[in-house]
Protein backbone atom coordinates (compact mmCIF):
# COMPACT_ATOMS: atom_id res chain seq x y z
CA MET A 1 -4.46 6.06 -35.35
CA GLU A 2 -2.03 7.94 -33.11
CA LYS A 3 -3.74 6.70 -29.95
CA GLN A 4 -3.74 3.09 -31.17
CA GLN A 5 -0.01 3.24 -31.91
CA ASN A 6 0.67 4.68 -28.44
CA ILE A 7 -1.15 1.75 -26.78
CA LYS A 8 0.98 -0.74 -28.71
CA GLN A 9 4.26 1.04 -27.98
CA LYS A 10 6.48 -1.19 -25.87
CA LEU A 11 7.28 -0.31 -22.29
CA PRO A 12 10.93 -0.19 -21.17
CA ASP A 13 12.19 -3.41 -19.60
CA LYS A 14 11.09 -3.76 -15.99
CA PHE A 15 14.27 -5.26 -14.60
CA SER A 16 16.94 -3.40 -16.57
CA ASN A 17 15.25 0.03 -16.47
CA PHE A 18 12.81 -0.11 -13.57
CA SER A 19 12.45 3.62 -12.99
CA GLU A 20 11.51 4.47 -16.58
CA TRP A 21 9.30 1.35 -16.83
CA TYR A 22 7.40 2.33 -13.69
CA GLN A 23 6.95 5.98 -14.66
CA GLN A 24 5.67 5.13 -18.14
CA LEU A 25 3.40 2.36 -16.85
CA ILE A 26 1.74 4.63 -14.30
CA LEU A 27 0.96 7.22 -16.99
CA ARG A 28 0.08 5.00 -19.95
CA SER A 29 -2.14 2.60 -18.00
CA GLY A 30 -4.28 5.51 -16.81
CA LEU A 31 -3.48 5.07 -13.12
CA ALA A 32 -2.20 8.58 -12.51
CA ASP A 33 -1.04 11.79 -14.11
CA TYR A 34 1.28 14.57 -13.02
CA SER A 35 -0.30 17.79 -11.78
CA SER A 36 0.83 21.40 -11.89
CA VAL A 37 2.07 21.05 -8.28
CA SER A 38 5.52 19.49 -8.06
CA GLY A 39 5.49 16.15 -6.25
CA CYS A 40 1.68 15.85 -6.27
CA ILE A 41 -0.12 13.48 -8.63
CA VAL A 42 -3.65 13.10 -9.97
CA TYR A 43 -5.28 9.82 -8.95
CA ARG A 44 -7.22 8.87 -12.05
CA PRO A 45 -10.38 6.73 -11.76
CA LEU A 46 -8.53 3.41 -12.13
CA ALA A 47 -6.18 4.20 -9.23
CA TYR A 48 -8.95 5.63 -7.10
CA ALA A 49 -11.13 2.56 -7.65
CA ILE A 50 -8.23 0.41 -6.41
CA TRP A 51 -7.85 2.68 -3.37
CA GLU A 52 -11.60 2.45 -2.70
CA LYS A 53 -11.31 -1.34 -2.64
CA ILE A 54 -8.41 -1.16 -0.17
CA MET A 55 -10.41 1.25 1.99
CA GLN A 56 -13.50 -1.00 1.93
CA GLU A 57 -11.56 -4.11 2.90
CA VAL A 58 -9.64 -2.41 5.70
CA ASP A 59 -12.63 -0.45 6.95
CA LYS A 60 -14.96 -3.43 7.37
CA ARG A 61 -12.27 -5.21 9.38
CA PHE A 62 -11.71 -2.08 11.50
CA LYS A 63 -15.41 -1.89 12.32
CA GLN A 64 -15.30 -5.47 13.63
CA LEU A 65 -12.73 -4.19 16.17
CA GLY A 66 -15.01 -1.36 17.23
CA ILE A 67 -13.02 1.33 15.41
CA LYS A 68 -15.21 4.26 14.33
CA ASN A 69 -14.57 6.76 11.53
CA CYS A 70 -14.42 10.50 12.12
CA TYR A 71 -12.92 13.61 10.58
CA PHE A 72 -10.71 16.35 12.05
CA PRO A 73 -9.59 19.63 10.42
CA LEU A 74 -6.85 19.77 7.81
CA PHE A 75 -5.22 22.72 9.60
CA ILE A 76 -3.32 22.48 12.89
CA PRO A 77 -2.45 25.54 15.02
CA GLU A 78 1.29 25.85 15.58
CA LYS A 79 0.93 25.89 19.38
CA LEU A 80 -0.75 22.44 19.29
CA PHE A 81 1.75 21.05 16.83
CA GLU A 82 4.74 21.90 19.01
CA LYS A 83 3.56 20.22 22.22
CA GLU A 84 5.37 16.91 21.65
CA ALA A 85 9.06 17.72 21.07
CA GLU A 86 10.20 14.47 19.41
CA HIS A 87 7.12 14.43 17.17
CA ILE A 88 7.60 18.00 15.94
CA ALA A 89 11.33 17.44 15.40
CA GLY A 90 10.53 14.46 13.17
CA PHE A 91 7.95 16.27 11.03
CA LYS A 92 8.85 19.98 11.03
CA PRO A 93 11.18 19.83 7.98
CA GLU A 94 8.26 18.47 5.92
CA VAL A 95 5.45 20.70 7.18
CA ALA A 96 3.67 23.11 4.81
CA TRP A 97 2.41 26.22 6.62
CA VAL A 98 -0.56 28.53 5.98
CA THR A 99 0.49 32.08 6.91
CA HIS A 100 -2.11 34.29 5.19
CA ALA A 101 -5.84 34.40 4.52
CA GLY A 102 -6.13 36.57 1.42
CA ASP A 103 -3.87 39.53 2.11
CA THR A 104 -4.21 39.26 5.88
CA LYS A 105 -1.43 37.63 7.87
CA LEU A 106 -2.74 35.08 10.35
CA ALA A 107 -2.13 35.65 14.04
CA GLU A 108 -0.82 32.08 14.26
CA ARG A 109 0.60 29.84 11.56
CA LEU A 110 -1.44 26.78 10.64
CA ALA A 111 0.27 23.53 9.69
CA VAL A 112 -1.25 21.64 6.78
CA ARG A 113 -1.85 18.18 8.24
CA PRO A 114 1.24 15.94 7.96
CA THR A 115 -0.46 13.65 10.53
CA SER A 116 -3.22 14.40 13.02
CA GLU A 117 -1.92 13.65 16.52
CA ALA A 118 -1.83 17.33 17.49
CA ILE A 119 -5.34 18.30 16.37
CA MET A 120 -6.98 15.07 17.55
CA TYR A 121 -5.37 14.84 20.96
CA ALA A 122 -6.49 18.32 21.94
CA SER A 123 -10.01 16.88 21.68
CA TYR A 124 -9.11 13.57 23.33
CA SER A 125 -7.96 15.50 26.39
CA LYS A 126 -11.49 16.97 26.67
CA TRP A 127 -13.42 13.80 25.88
CA ILE A 128 -11.61 11.33 28.13
CA ARG A 129 -12.28 11.78 31.83
CA SER A 130 -12.96 8.33 33.27
CA TRP A 131 -12.02 4.70 32.66
CA ARG A 132 -15.60 4.40 31.36
CA ASP A 133 -14.60 6.58 28.38
CA LEU A 134 -12.04 3.99 27.30
CA PRO A 135 -11.09 2.52 24.96
CA LEU A 136 -11.53 5.29 22.42
CA LYS A 137 -10.88 3.99 18.90
CA LEU A 138 -11.12 6.58 16.13
CA ASN A 139 -9.93 6.49 12.53
CA GLN A 140 -9.76 9.00 9.70
CA TRP A 141 -9.62 8.36 5.95
CA ASN A 142 -7.98 11.52 4.71
CA ASN A 143 -5.10 13.17 2.86
CA VAL A 144 -1.85 14.44 4.33
CA VAL A 145 0.88 16.75 3.05
CA ARG A 146 4.57 16.13 3.71
CA TRP A 147 6.75 18.53 1.75
CA GLU A 148 9.62 16.15 1.17
CA PHE A 149 12.51 17.27 -0.99
CA LYS A 150 13.58 13.81 -2.15
CA HIS A 151 12.85 12.77 -5.73
CA PRO A 152 9.07 12.19 -5.86
CA VAL A 153 7.80 8.92 -7.36
CA PRO A 154 4.06 8.47 -8.06
CA PHE A 155 2.38 6.56 -5.20
CA LEU A 156 5.70 5.50 -3.66
CA ARG A 157 6.86 8.93 -2.47
CA GLY A 158 4.87 12.12 -2.93
CA ARG A 159 4.11 15.37 -1.16
CA GLU A 160 0.42 14.57 -0.78
CA PHE A 161 -1.04 11.10 -0.34
CA LEU A 162 -4.17 9.35 0.92
CA TRP A 163 -4.28 7.04 3.92
CA ASN A 164 -6.06 5.96 7.04
CA GLU A 165 -4.76 7.22 10.34
CA GLY A 166 -6.10 5.48 13.43
CA HIS A 167 -5.64 6.87 16.92
CA ASN A 168 -6.72 4.64 19.81
CA ALA A 169 -6.54 5.30 23.56
CA TYR A 170 -6.66 2.62 26.28
CA ALA A 171 -6.48 2.25 30.02
CA THR A 172 -3.60 -0.25 29.92
CA GLU A 173 -0.59 -1.11 27.79
CA LYS A 174 -1.83 -4.71 27.53
CA GLU A 175 -5.08 -3.64 25.85
CA ALA A 176 -3.21 -1.29 23.55
CA MET A 177 -0.72 -3.91 22.38
CA GLU A 178 -3.42 -6.54 21.87
CA ASP A 179 -5.24 -4.22 19.46
CA LEU A 180 -2.00 -3.13 17.81
CA TRP A 181 -1.32 -6.70 16.75
CA LYS A 182 -4.92 -7.23 15.64
CA ILE A 183 -4.66 -4.13 13.44
CA LEU A 184 -1.27 -5.13 12.04
CA ASN A 185 -2.78 -8.52 11.18
CA ILE A 186 -5.68 -6.76 9.43
CA TYR A 187 -3.15 -4.96 7.24
CA LYS A 188 -1.27 -8.21 6.63
CA ASP A 189 -4.52 -9.96 5.67
CA VAL A 190 -5.47 -7.23 3.18
CA CYS A 191 -1.97 -7.14 1.69
CA GLU A 192 -1.82 -10.90 1.26
CA ASN A 193 -5.41 -11.85 0.41
CA ILE A 194 -6.57 -8.75 -1.49
CA LEU A 195 -3.40 -7.23 -2.99
CA ALA A 196 -1.61 -10.60 -3.30
CA LEU A 197 1.53 -9.13 -1.71
CA TYR A 198 3.97 -10.80 0.66
CA GLY A 199 5.94 -8.67 3.08
CA ILE A 200 8.13 -8.98 6.15
CA VAL A 201 6.45 -8.01 9.42
CA GLY A 202 8.91 -6.60 11.92
CA LYS A 203 9.78 -4.00 14.51
CA LYS A 204 11.44 -0.73 13.55
CA THR A 205 14.82 0.25 14.97
CA GLU A 206 15.17 3.33 17.18
CA LEU A 207 16.10 5.76 14.39
CA GLU A 208 13.52 4.34 11.98
CA LYS A 209 10.53 4.33 14.33
CA PHE A 210 7.73 6.91 14.15
CA ALA A 211 8.60 10.26 15.72
CA GLY A 212 7.17 10.24 19.25
CA ALA A 213 6.47 6.50 19.46
CA VAL A 214 7.80 4.08 22.06
CA SER A 215 7.98 1.36 19.39
CA SER A 216 6.94 0.96 15.75
CA TYR A 217 6.01 -2.09 13.69
CA ALA A 218 5.65 -2.31 9.92
CA ILE A 219 5.29 -4.58 6.90
CA GLU A 220 8.26 -4.18 4.57
CA PHE A 221 8.23 -5.00 0.85
CA LEU A 222 11.05 -5.45 -1.66
CA LEU A 223 10.65 -3.95 -5.14
CA PRO A 224 12.27 -5.26 -8.35
CA ASN A 225 14.86 -2.46 -8.32
CA GLY A 226 16.18 -3.73 -4.99
CA LYS A 227 14.68 -0.91 -2.93
CA ALA A 228 12.49 -1.58 0.09
CA ALA A 229 9.13 0.13 0.51
CA GLN A 230 7.54 0.40 3.93
CA GLY A 231 3.91 -0.63 3.85
CA PRO A 232 1.28 -0.42 6.61
CA ASP A 233 2.53 0.32 10.10
CA ALA A 234 1.36 0.52 13.71
CA HIS A 235 2.95 2.35 16.62
CA PHE A 236 2.79 1.96 20.37
CA ASP A 237 2.98 5.50 21.71
CA GLY A 238 2.69 4.64 25.40
CA GLU A 239 2.08 7.80 27.45
CA ASN A 240 4.24 10.08 25.27
CA PHE A 241 1.41 11.98 23.59
CA ALA A 242 -0.89 11.62 26.59
CA LYS A 243 1.57 13.56 28.74
CA ALA A 244 2.15 16.19 26.07
CA TYR A 245 -1.58 16.78 25.50
CA ASP A 246 -2.79 15.97 29.02
CA ILE A 247 -4.95 12.98 28.07
CA CYS A 248 -5.69 11.42 31.44
CA PHE A 249 -8.50 9.62 33.27
CA LEU A 250 -9.62 8.45 36.69
CA ASP A 251 -9.30 4.68 36.99
CA GLN A 252 -11.63 2.40 38.98
CA GLN A 253 -9.69 3.24 42.15
CA GLN A 254 -10.17 6.96 41.42
CA GLN A 255 -6.47 7.36 40.66
CA LYS A 256 -5.43 9.78 37.91
CA ARG A 257 -3.58 8.04 35.07
CA TYR A 258 -2.44 8.79 31.54
CA VAL A 259 -3.94 6.80 28.68
CA GLN A 260 -1.89 4.34 26.62
CA GLN A 261 -2.08 4.99 22.88
CA ILE A 262 -1.51 3.34 19.51
CA THR A 263 -1.55 4.83 16.01
CA TYR A 264 -1.70 2.99 12.68
CA ALA A 265 -1.91 3.60 8.92
CA ILE A 266 -2.09 2.16 5.42
CA SER A 267 -1.61 4.50 2.46
CA THR A 268 -1.86 4.81 -1.31
CA ARG A 269 1.82 3.76 -1.38
CA MET A 270 0.40 0.21 -1.51
CA ILE A 271 -0.91 0.91 -5.02
CA GLY A 272 2.66 1.62 -6.13
CA VAL A 273 4.01 -1.47 -4.34
CA MET A 274 1.36 -3.67 -5.94
CA VAL A 275 2.01 -2.25 -9.41
CA ALA A 276 5.78 -2.60 -9.08
CA ILE A 277 5.74 -6.19 -7.89
CA HIS A 278 3.02 -7.75 -10.07
CA SER A 279 3.19 -5.87 -13.37
CA ASP A 280 5.29 -6.75 -16.43
CA ASN A 281 6.55 -5.31 -19.71
CA HIS A 282 3.05 -5.53 -21.22
CA GLY A 283 1.49 -3.32 -18.55
CA LEU A 284 -0.36 -3.60 -15.26
CA VAL A 285 -1.16 -6.96 -13.69
CA LEU A 286 -3.95 -6.57 -11.15
CA PRO A 287 -5.07 -9.23 -8.65
CA PRO A 288 -8.73 -10.08 -9.32
CA LYS A 289 -9.82 -9.14 -5.80
CA VAL A 290 -8.69 -5.55 -6.25
CA ALA A 291 -9.21 -5.10 -10.01
CA PRO A 292 -12.14 -2.72 -10.74
CA THR A 293 -12.77 -4.69 -13.97
CA LYS A 294 -12.21 -8.42 -13.44
CA ILE A 295 -13.37 -9.65 -16.85
CA VAL A 296 -13.62 -7.87 -20.19
CA ILE A 297 -15.59 -9.48 -23.00
CA ILE A 298 -14.47 -8.44 -26.48
CA PRO A 299 -16.92 -9.29 -29.30
CA ILE A 300 -15.29 -9.64 -32.72
CA PHE A 301 -17.71 -8.96 -35.56
CA ASP A 302 -18.42 -7.35 -38.90
CA LYS A 303 -21.67 -5.82 -40.13
CA GLN A 304 -23.20 -9.18 -40.96
CA THR A 305 -22.30 -10.92 -37.69
CA LYS A 306 -22.62 -7.98 -35.29
CA GLN A 307 -26.02 -8.79 -33.77
CA ASN A 308 -25.33 -12.51 -33.32
CA VAL A 309 -21.97 -11.87 -31.65
CA LEU A 310 -23.32 -9.15 -29.35
CA ASP A 311 -26.27 -11.30 -28.28
CA TYR A 312 -23.90 -14.17 -27.49
CA ALA A 313 -21.60 -11.80 -25.56
CA LYS A 314 -24.54 -10.59 -23.46
CA GLN A 315 -25.51 -14.20 -22.76
CA VAL A 316 -21.95 -14.96 -21.60
CA LYS A 317 -21.93 -11.89 -19.36
CA SER A 318 -25.29 -12.82 -17.85
CA GLU A 319 -24.02 -16.31 -17.01
CA LEU A 320 -20.81 -14.93 -15.49
CA VAL A 321 -22.72 -12.44 -13.33
CA LYS A 322 -24.71 -15.33 -11.86
CA LEU A 323 -21.55 -17.36 -11.26
CA LEU A 324 -19.55 -14.54 -9.68
CA SER A 325 -22.50 -13.11 -7.67
CA ASN A 326 -24.52 -10.09 -8.65
CA SER A 327 -22.30 -7.80 -6.55
CA ASP A 328 -19.60 -8.25 -9.18
CA SER A 329 -21.78 -7.32 -12.16
CA ASP A 330 -19.98 -3.98 -12.64
CA ALA A 331 -16.65 -5.82 -12.74
CA ILE A 332 -17.63 -7.57 -16.00
CA ILE A 333 -17.81 -5.38 -19.09
CA ILE A 334 -18.51 -5.87 -22.79
CA ASP A 335 -16.36 -3.64 -24.98
CA ASP A 336 -18.41 -3.23 -28.16
CA ARG A 337 -16.75 0.02 -29.32
CA GLU A 338 -16.59 -0.06 -33.10
CA GLN A 339 -13.98 2.70 -33.54
CA TYR A 340 -11.23 0.44 -32.17
CA THR A 341 -9.93 -2.81 -33.59
CA PRO A 342 -9.92 -6.02 -31.50
CA GLY A 343 -6.09 -5.90 -31.50
CA TYR A 344 -6.15 -2.40 -30.05
CA LYS A 345 -8.54 -3.53 -27.32
CA PHE A 346 -6.37 -6.56 -26.49
CA ASN A 347 -3.39 -4.27 -25.98
CA GLU A 348 -5.43 -1.74 -24.01
CA TYR A 349 -6.73 -4.24 -21.46
CA GLU A 350 -3.34 -5.90 -21.12
CA LEU A 351 -1.91 -2.46 -20.35
CA LYS A 352 -4.68 -1.82 -17.80
CA GLY A 353 -4.16 -5.19 -16.14
CA VAL A 354 -7.65 -6.70 -16.46
CA PRO A 355 -7.23 -10.25 -15.05
CA VAL A 356 -9.33 -12.14 -17.64
CA ARG A 357 -10.19 -11.34 -21.24
CA ILE A 358 -12.87 -13.27 -23.13
CA GLU A 359 -12.89 -13.09 -26.93
CA ILE A 360 -16.02 -14.00 -28.86
CA GLY A 361 -16.25 -14.37 -32.63
CA MET A 362 -18.49 -16.38 -34.96
CA ARG A 363 -16.24 -19.44 -34.68
CA ASP A 364 -16.75 -19.41 -30.89
CA ILE A 365 -20.51 -19.20 -31.36
CA GLU A 366 -20.50 -22.09 -33.81
CA GLN A 367 -18.49 -24.21 -31.36
CA GLU A 368 -20.53 -23.01 -28.34
CA SER A 369 -17.32 -21.83 -26.69
CA VAL A 370 -15.32 -18.72 -25.72
CA THR A 371 -11.63 -17.89 -26.05
CA VAL A 372 -10.04 -16.96 -22.71
CA PHE A 373 -6.86 -14.97 -22.02
CA ARG A 374 -5.38 -14.79 -18.50
CA ARG A 375 -3.33 -11.68 -17.83
CA ASP A 376 -0.88 -13.05 -15.26
CA THR A 377 0.63 -15.78 -17.46
CA LEU A 378 -0.46 -14.47 -20.92
CA GLU A 379 -2.00 -17.90 -21.68
CA ARG A 380 -4.82 -18.15 -24.21
CA PHE A 381 -7.22 -21.11 -24.41
CA THR A 382 -10.76 -22.15 -25.31
CA ILE A 383 -13.52 -23.40 -23.01
CA LYS A 384 -17.05 -24.53 -23.72
CA LEU A 385 -19.99 -22.29 -22.84
CA SER A 386 -21.14 -25.03 -20.49
CA GLN A 387 -17.84 -24.71 -18.59
CA LEU A 388 -18.05 -21.02 -17.72
CA SER A 389 -17.82 -21.93 -14.03
CA LYS A 390 -14.10 -22.43 -14.75
CA ILE A 391 -13.78 -18.64 -15.04
CA LYS A 392 -14.51 -18.26 -11.33
CA GLU A 393 -11.88 -20.90 -10.60
CA LEU A 394 -9.50 -19.08 -12.95
CA LEU A 395 -9.88 -15.80 -11.04
CA ASP A 396 -9.08 -17.61 -7.79
CA GLU A 397 -6.08 -19.25 -9.46
CA ILE A 398 -4.75 -15.91 -10.74
CA GLN A 399 -5.09 -14.38 -7.26
CA LYS A 400 -3.21 -17.30 -5.70
CA ASN A 401 -0.55 -17.36 -8.41
CA LEU A 402 0.24 -13.66 -7.99
CA PHE A 403 0.64 -14.06 -4.23
CA GLU A 404 2.89 -17.10 -4.59
CA LYS A 405 5.05 -15.29 -7.16
CA ALA A 406 5.33 -12.24 -4.89
CA LYS A 407 6.26 -14.43 -1.92
CA GLN A 408 8.85 -16.34 -3.90
CA PHE A 409 10.31 -13.11 -5.26
CA LEU A 410 10.87 -11.68 -1.80
CA LEU A 411 12.15 -14.86 -0.15
CA SER A 412 14.55 -15.58 -3.00
CA ASN A 413 15.99 -12.08 -2.75
CA VAL A 414 16.79 -12.05 0.98
CA VAL A 415 20.46 -12.81 1.64
CA THR A 416 22.05 -13.55 5.02
CA VAL A 417 25.32 -11.61 5.35
CA ASN A 418 28.14 -11.93 7.88
CA ASN A 419 30.16 -8.75 7.31
CA ILE A 420 29.93 -5.28 5.80
CA ASP A 421 31.45 -6.27 2.45
CA GLU A 422 28.84 -9.00 2.01
CA LEU A 423 26.12 -6.51 2.95
CA LYS A 424 27.30 -4.00 0.35
CA GLN A 425 27.48 -6.71 -2.30
CA ALA A 426 23.98 -7.95 -1.50
CA ILE A 427 22.55 -4.44 -1.79
CA ALA A 428 24.47 -3.86 -5.05
CA ASN A 429 22.83 -7.04 -6.37
CA LYS A 430 19.36 -5.62 -5.57
CA LYS A 431 18.86 -7.90 -2.60
CA MET A 432 17.60 -7.33 0.92
CA ALA A 433 20.31 -8.27 3.43
CA LYS A 434 19.69 -9.98 6.76
CA ALA A 435 22.36 -9.50 9.44
CA ASN A 436 23.11 -9.61 13.15
CA PHE A 437 22.86 -6.14 14.66
CA CYS A 438 23.43 -4.51 18.06
CA CYS A 439 20.48 -2.10 17.57
CA THR A 440 22.21 0.87 19.22
CA LYS A 441 21.52 4.41 18.02
CA GLU A 442 25.25 5.00 17.67
CA CYS A 443 25.67 2.08 15.30
CA GLU A 444 22.62 3.15 13.30
CA GLN A 445 24.01 6.66 12.94
CA ASN A 446 27.34 5.27 11.74
CA ILE A 447 25.54 3.16 9.14
CA ALA A 448 23.64 6.23 7.87
CA GLU A 449 26.89 8.19 7.53
CA GLN A 450 28.99 5.44 5.92
CA LEU A 451 26.76 3.17 3.81
CA GLU A 452 25.11 5.41 1.19
CA ALA A 453 21.43 5.27 2.14
CA ILE A 454 21.45 1.64 3.31
CA THR A 455 19.15 1.53 6.33
CA PRO A 456 17.80 -1.07 8.75
CA ARG A 457 14.26 -1.76 7.59
CA VAL A 458 12.80 -4.02 10.32
CA ILE A 459 13.92 -6.26 13.15
CA ALA A 460 12.96 -9.89 12.54
CA LEU A 461 10.25 -11.08 14.94
CA ASP A 462 10.70 -14.81 14.41
CA GLU A 463 14.50 -15.04 14.43
CA LYS A 464 17.04 -14.26 17.16
CA PRO A 465 20.87 -14.19 17.08
CA ASN A 466 22.81 -16.93 18.81
CA GLU A 467 24.49 -16.26 22.18
CA ASN A 468 27.91 -15.57 20.65
CA ASP A 469 26.78 -13.70 17.50
CA LYS A 470 28.28 -10.24 16.99
CA CYS A 471 26.98 -7.11 15.30
CA ILE A 472 28.45 -7.05 11.79
CA PHE A 473 29.13 -3.30 12.08
CA CYS A 474 30.68 -2.72 15.52
CA GLY A 475 31.49 -6.24 16.73
CA LYS A 476 29.49 -5.88 19.96
CA LYS A 477 27.01 -8.52 21.08
CA ALA A 478 24.16 -8.85 18.58
CA GLN A 479 20.73 -8.05 19.97
CA ALA A 480 18.61 -8.86 16.93
CA VAL A 481 18.49 -10.10 13.35
CA VAL A 482 17.71 -7.13 11.13
CA TYR A 483 16.78 -6.67 7.46
CA PHE A 484 18.76 -3.98 5.60
CA ALA A 485 18.11 -2.32 2.23
CA ARG A 486 17.99 0.96 0.39
CA SER A 487 14.50 2.40 0.60
CA TYR A 488 12.04 4.89 -0.87
């Protein structure tokens, strides 16, 4: 009975105690567990199945762009890592180093991969000789280690996480930027249409861009606690890494030139963003397109009715498999465990975020119907067996509803501010603030020193300041409209 009581135990309130709500939800839903290594979590099967779905959706879109998967070593020799000064300066505080093999000290320290530019570009410099070798579009699905000393939060900020890291090389900046935007739109498509998340696509400011990049672009999300979380990103690196690692080629005029490069990534942080935005005080709420189990059928029976109810449940599952396509057969389960009560199972699947629950008892059989529960709105209703096609429509409706709620949440929590006091008040109210900004490094540094972790998240792409608008911090001419928030 202990386990059943734990399932029914209420979660803390999401909006008044977000941090405790999130931590308990991650553990109790079976998404993750803490490990014996500080800041590193265990991805339990539910979380990993979600990550596999993200990988599949991104990967098939990558392949349509001609991006190929590969794998490079986890360890990076120190001499390679230090070739690009700005890059190493950005990552060195977070790098974990291997110094010994057994009791033997290594001749050269090896960095545990925080990102793979150094190890990959040593090979690129050997492989690329001519314009005929371009473009080179390679991607890795791997893990990275960044030994951050900030407070770790499962999925949102940890010392080891999973991601894709793409590294493409081109003959021209035009080709590079065209693919950068195609890749960023792939990420946007997966976030919106698979994860049902709405974010702000923008350009990073100078101090927030990727170390070593010419320019960085990202999708930014707002969480219920008022903090921003950076999602997928893409960087135009220009010739910066090419010059450091001597990645050059002979063009069609036999002139030696450096390649133009882009890098891009989506990580397991998106699991945390999705959980934080969609879920509620009952547990996880998973969009149907990413949920490993889309429908759970719970037969309710006693000894006398068991066989009739189970046969009916199997019939319902068979019909649903046909309606949803055979590829989704594993996403529909019948929970016929007899050691747990139906009430326990209801609570369990609400906690785990299964989008649709179907309850079947003798009354349903007599009425040739099923009782349906939708996780996103907690509505419960009855449909006839002949109307099972409505379940497919219901899954589509849940997916759409979650996206619209996420979009409305973000848009309703963005506030335009005209001075520093208004900015501080907006952030205190758990909002994301939008303001005119000069975009100078000096002003950014002043913000970092004076405004308690409030940072510029992204520069708006579809909105420009008016001719006479001033930066709300220094009063100089505004160069852009920028979103500000505290962040993970």
